[in-house]
């Protein structure tokens, strides 16, 4: 089982997913962690600009396949759309999500002003509220389209509490096993 937690940078994915995964005996890992471990490096910078998207996604597919062969139940934290440069975003192809065998998706959404504040607290001053809105909208479209193509459930959560996220994740996990 590979459950996918998606959302814009700063939406709260990791903050919510890490403690929830422990409760359900899932391994929480970010796509960037798996890519970095597979390649021995990352091809993105502090402003979350990504290069080598195809190479990164191939590495992600290999890393997830290794976990699945070991029987690991994954809660993978990542994106449907990546930032190539300020204001330039690229959708990850649906085949990547098919190849990592995503069985369900939780999409975490937050207000652009809150995301901007979180990114600035991380000393990432490269974003504008307008770019965050655009990226978040593309993330939603990507989630809806890919989940429809793969025929997997999608749960959208707007500014969820830990309890709301935990309940949604438990529901998604039980419906996909």
Foldseek 3Di string as FASTA:
>chain_A
DEEEEAFDQQLCRCVQPPVLCVVVVADEDELQVQLCVQVVHAQADLLQAHDPVVSSLVSSLVSLVVCVVVVGHHYYYYFQWGHNDALDIDGDDLVSCVSSPHQEYEYRAEQLVSSCVSSVVVVNNSHDSVSNVVRRVVRVVSVVVSCVVVVHYYHYDYPDDSVVSSVVVVVRVVVRD
